[in-house]
Structure formats: C-alpha cells, structure tokens
Amino acid sequence: MIDLEKSIYINELYDLYGSLLTKKQQEMIELYYCDDLSLSEISEQFNISRNAVYDCLKKGIKQLENYEKELKLHKKEQELEEYFKKVKKENKEQISLIEEIERKVK
C-alpha cells in the first residue's frame, strides 16, 4: 500500500473506530494523518520524544486494524459502495430511487 492509500485507509478506519482509542492516540492520529503534522512537530507539541509519538501512532493504528479485523465495518462499507455502483450501472432508469436508498443506508 502506498503512503497516500495507507493514509486514506487509516483515516477511514479512524472515522469508524477512532472513538475506541485513548484520547492521546486520537489526538496524535488526528495531528499526523488529518492535520499532516510531522513526528517532530507533534513531539514538540506534547513535549515528548519523536519515538514516543511514533510508538503511540503505531499502537493506535494496530488497534484500529484489530477492530477492523474483528468487526469488518470498513470492508462491509466498501462492499456496499461497490454494490450500489453496480446496481446504478445496471438500472439507470431507477437511479434516483437507488440513490435515495443509498442515502438512507448510510
């Protein structure tokens, strides 16, 4: 997975499971992946070492991936999105109804 794809994936997992992380993990993931701060910038902000920031991020990401492994919400969301794309493509005359159903599901 390239960096951009990984970053998008982590952000999507964070949207789904972020509230299950510790407050510190949430803050650091938001600063690193959402606000695009470097490890050094985050370490200065928290007055801790870059290594401590890295470890916290790594633990938080591992937890997000473990939640996904168990709950599979991201996978199900992706499958549902693909299904709606397929249905829209096959049923162009009913696209407004399909889009309404899609909005209600999300």
C-alpha atoms as a PDB file:
ATOM      1  CA  MET A   1       0.000   0.000   0.000  1.00  0.00           C
ATOM      2  CA  ILE A   2       1.486   3.363  -0.951  1.00  0.00           C
ATOM      3  CA  ASP A   3       1.573   6.197   1.569  1.00  0.00           C
ATOM      4  CA  LEU A   4      -1.459   8.035   0.206  1.00  0.00           C
ATOM      5  CA  GLU A   5      -3.565   4.875   0.093  1.00  0.00           C
ATOM      6  CA  LYS A   6      -2.427   3.947   3.602  1.00  0.00           C
ATOM      7  CA  SER A   7      -3.240   7.427   4.864  1.00  0.00           C
ATOM      8  CA  ILE A   8      -6.739   7.266   3.360  1.00  0.00           C
ATOM      9  CA  TYR A   9      -7.246   3.788   4.819  1.00  0.00           C
ATOM     10  CA  ILE A  10      -6.119   4.905   8.297  1.00  0.00           C
ATOM     11  CA  ASN A  11      -8.434   7.942   8.100  1.00  0.00           C
ATOM     12  CA  GLU A  12     -11.355   5.713   7.123  1.00  0.00           C
ATOM     13  CA  LEU A  13     -10.619   3.306   9.980  1.00  0.00           C
ATOM     14  CA  TYR A  14     -10.260   6.272  12.324  1.00  0.00           C
ATOM     15  CA  ASP A  15     -13.679   7.568  11.267  1.00  0.00           C
ATOM     16  CA  LEU A  16     -15.171   4.185  12.121  1.00  0.00           C
ATOM     17  CA  TYR A  17     -13.271   3.231  15.271  1.00  0.00           C
ATOM     18  CA  GLY A  18     -11.446   6.351  16.472  1.00  0.00           C
ATOM     19  CA  SER A  19     -13.693   6.858  19.477  1.00  0.00           C
ATOM     20  CA  LEU A  20     -12.491   3.481  20.800  1.00  0.00           C
ATOM     21  CA  LEU A  21      -8.887   4.696  21.068  1.00  0.00           C
ATOM     22  CA  THR A  22      -7.350   6.516  24.009  1.00  0.00           C
ATOM     23  CA  LYS A  23      -7.574  10.300  23.980  1.00  0.00           C
ATOM     24  CA  LYS A  24      -3.816  10.563  23.366  1.00  0.00           C
ATOM     25  CA  GLN A  25      -3.965   8.134  20.425  1.00  0.00           C
ATOM     26  CA  GLN A  26      -6.894  10.077  18.969  1.00  0.00           C
ATOM     27  CA  GLU A  27      -5.037  13.385  19.230  1.00  0.00           C
ATOM     28  CA  MET A  28      -1.857  12.030  17.673  1.00  0.00           C
ATOM     29  CA  ILE A  29      -3.617  10.244  14.814  1.00  0.00           C
ATOM     30  CA  GLU A  30      -5.604  13.395  14.062  1.00  0.00           C
ATOM     31  CA  LEU A  31      -2.472  15.548  14.106  1.00  0.00           C
ATOM     32  CA  TYR A  32      -0.423  13.149  11.993  1.00  0.00           C
ATOM     33  CA  TYR A  33      -2.989  11.825   9.492  1.00  0.00           C
ATOM     34  CA  CYS A  34      -5.586  14.599   9.382  1.00  0.00           C
ATOM     35  CA  ASP A  35      -3.547  17.746  10.046  1.00  0.00           C
ATOM     36  CA  ASP A  36      -0.409  16.381   8.332  1.00  0.00           C
ATOM     37  CA  LEU A  37       1.972  17.328  11.152  1.00  0.00           C
ATOM     38  CA  SER A  38       5.355  15.624  11.323  1.00  0.00           C
ATOM     39  CA  LEU A  39       6.519  13.433  14.203  1.00  0.00           C
ATOM     40  CA  SER A  40       8.817  16.278  15.280  1.00  0.00           C
ATOM     41  CA  GLU A  41       6.003  18.824  15.309  1.00  0.00           C
ATOM     42  CA  ILE A  42       3.794  16.532  17.356  1.00  0.00           C
ATOM     43  CA  SER A  43       6.625  15.691  19.775  1.00  0.00           C
ATOM     44  CA  GLU A  44       7.233  19.411  20.351  1.00  0.00           C
ATOM     45  CA  GLN A  45       3.538  19.999  20.955  1.00  0.00           C
ATOM     46  CA  PHE A  46       3.350  17.231  23.588  1.00  0.00           C
ATOM     47  CA  ASN A  47       6.883  17.769  24.879  1.00  0.00           C
ATOM     48  CA  ILE A  48       7.794  14.116  24.302  1.00  0.00           C
ATOM     49  CA  SER A  49      10.266  12.312  22.056  1.00  0.00           C
ATOM     50  CA  ARG A  50       9.618  11.576  18.384  1.00  0.00           C
ATOM     51  CA  ASN A  51       9.949   7.902  19.270  1.00  0.00           C
ATOM     52  CA  ALA A  52       7.143   8.204  21.842  1.00  0.00           C
ATOM     53  CA  VAL A  53       4.916   9.790  19.174  1.00  0.00           C
ATOM     54  CA  TYR A  54       5.820   7.040  16.711  1.00  0.00           C
ATOM     55  CA  ASP A  55       5.049   4.317  19.282  1.00  0.00           C
ATOM     56  CA  CYS A  56       1.701   5.896  20.163  1.00  0.00           C
ATOM     57  CA  LEU A  57       0.748   6.160  16.475  1.00  0.00           C
ATOM     58  CA  LYS A  58       1.836   2.596  15.820  1.00  0.00           C
ATOM     59  CA  LYS A  59      -0.212   1.253  18.763  1.00  0.00           C
ATOM     60  CA  GLY A  60      -3.242   3.290  17.733  1.00  0.00           C
ATOM     61  CA  ILE A  61      -3.070   2.086  14.127  1.00  0.00           C
ATOM     62  CA  LYS A  62      -2.648  -1.503  15.290  1.00  0.00           C
ATOM     63  CA  GLN A  63      -5.769  -1.139  17.426  1.00  0.00           C
ATOM     64  CA  LEU A  64      -7.727   0.330  14.503  1.00  0.00           C
ATOM     65  CA  GLU A  65      -6.638  -2.602  12.329  1.00  0.00           C
ATOM     66  CA  ASN A  66      -7.594  -5.080  15.067  1.00  0.00           C
ATOM     67  CA  TYR A  67     -11.056  -3.517  15.341  1.00  0.00           C
ATOM     68  CA  GLU A  68     -11.437  -3.827  11.573  1.00  0.00           C
ATOM     69  CA  LYS A  69     -10.217  -7.419  11.661  1.00  0.00           C
ATOM     70  CA  GLU A  70     -12.902  -8.293  14.222  1.00  0.00           C
ATOM     71  CA  LEU A  71     -15.807  -6.072  13.156  1.00  0.00           C
ATOM     72  CA  LYS A  72     -15.152  -5.666   9.402  1.00  0.00           C
ATOM     73  CA  LEU A  73     -17.160  -2.418   9.194  1.00  0.00           C
ATOM     74  CA  HIS A  74     -14.793  -0.886   6.636  1.00  0.00           C
ATOM     75  CA  LYS A  75     -14.943  -3.981   4.452  1.00  0.00           C
ATOM     76  CA  LYS A  76     -18.738  -4.048   4.630  1.00  0.00           C
ATOM     77  CA  GLU A  77     -18.905  -0.340   3.811  1.00  0.00           C
ATOM     78  CA  GLN A  78     -16.681  -0.870   0.757  1.00  0.00           C
ATOM     79  CA  GLU A  79     -18.752  -3.850  -0.397  1.00  0.00           C
ATOM     80  CA  LEU A  80     -21.957  -1.861  -0.028  1.00  0.00           C
ATOM     81  CA  GLU A  81     -20.471   1.013  -2.024  1.00  0.00           C
ATOM     82  CA  GLU A  82     -19.441  -1.363  -4.821  1.00  0.00           C
ATOM     83  CA  TYR A  83     -22.878  -2.961  -4.792  1.00  0.00           C
ATOM     84  CA  PHE A  84     -24.590   0.410  -5.196  1.00  0.00           C
ATOM     85  CA  LYS A  85     -22.259   1.310  -8.076  1.00  0.00           C
ATOM     86  CA  LYS A  86     -23.148  -1.942  -9.804  1.00  0.00           C
ATOM     87  CA  VAL A  87     -26.877  -1.508  -9.238  1.00  0.00           C
ATOM     88  CA  LYS A  88     -26.754   2.076 -10.551  1.00  0.00           C
ATOM     89  CA  LYS A  89     -24.915   0.965 -13.653  1.00  0.00           C
ATOM     90  CA  GLU A  90     -27.415  -1.807 -14.378  1.00  0.00           C
ATOM     91  CA  ASN A  91     -30.541   0.221 -13.570  1.00  0.00           C
ATOM     92  CA  LYS A  92     -30.020   3.687 -14.993  1.00  0.00           C
ATOM     93  CA  GLU A  93     -33.755   4.387 -15.220  1.00  0.00           C
ATOM     94  CA  GLN A  94     -34.182   3.843 -11.459  1.00  0.00           C
ATOM     95  CA  ILE A  95     -31.092   5.736 -10.351  1.00  0.00           C
ATOM     96  CA  SER A  96     -32.949   8.306  -8.204  1.00  0.00           C
ATOM     97  CA  LEU A  97     -34.635   5.544  -6.215  1.00  0.00           C
ATOM     98  CA  ILE A  98     -31.314   3.741  -5.785  1.00  0.00           C
ATOM     99  CA  GLU A  99     -29.611   6.934  -4.614  1.00  0.00           C
ATOM    100  CA  GLU A 100     -32.383   7.563  -2.093  1.00  0.00           C
ATOM    101  CA  ILE A 101     -31.969   4.041  -0.703  1.00  0.00           C
ATOM    102  CA  GLU A 102     -28.202   4.548  -0.596  1.00  0.00           C
ATOM    103  CA  ARG A 103     -28.569   7.770   1.426  1.00  0.00           C
ATOM    104  CA  LYS A 104     -30.853   6.081   3.922  1.00  0.00           C
ATOM    105  CA  VAL A 105     -28.472   3.152   4.375  1.00  0.00           C
ATOM    106  CA  LYS A 106     -25.536   5.463   5.121  1.00  0.00           C
END
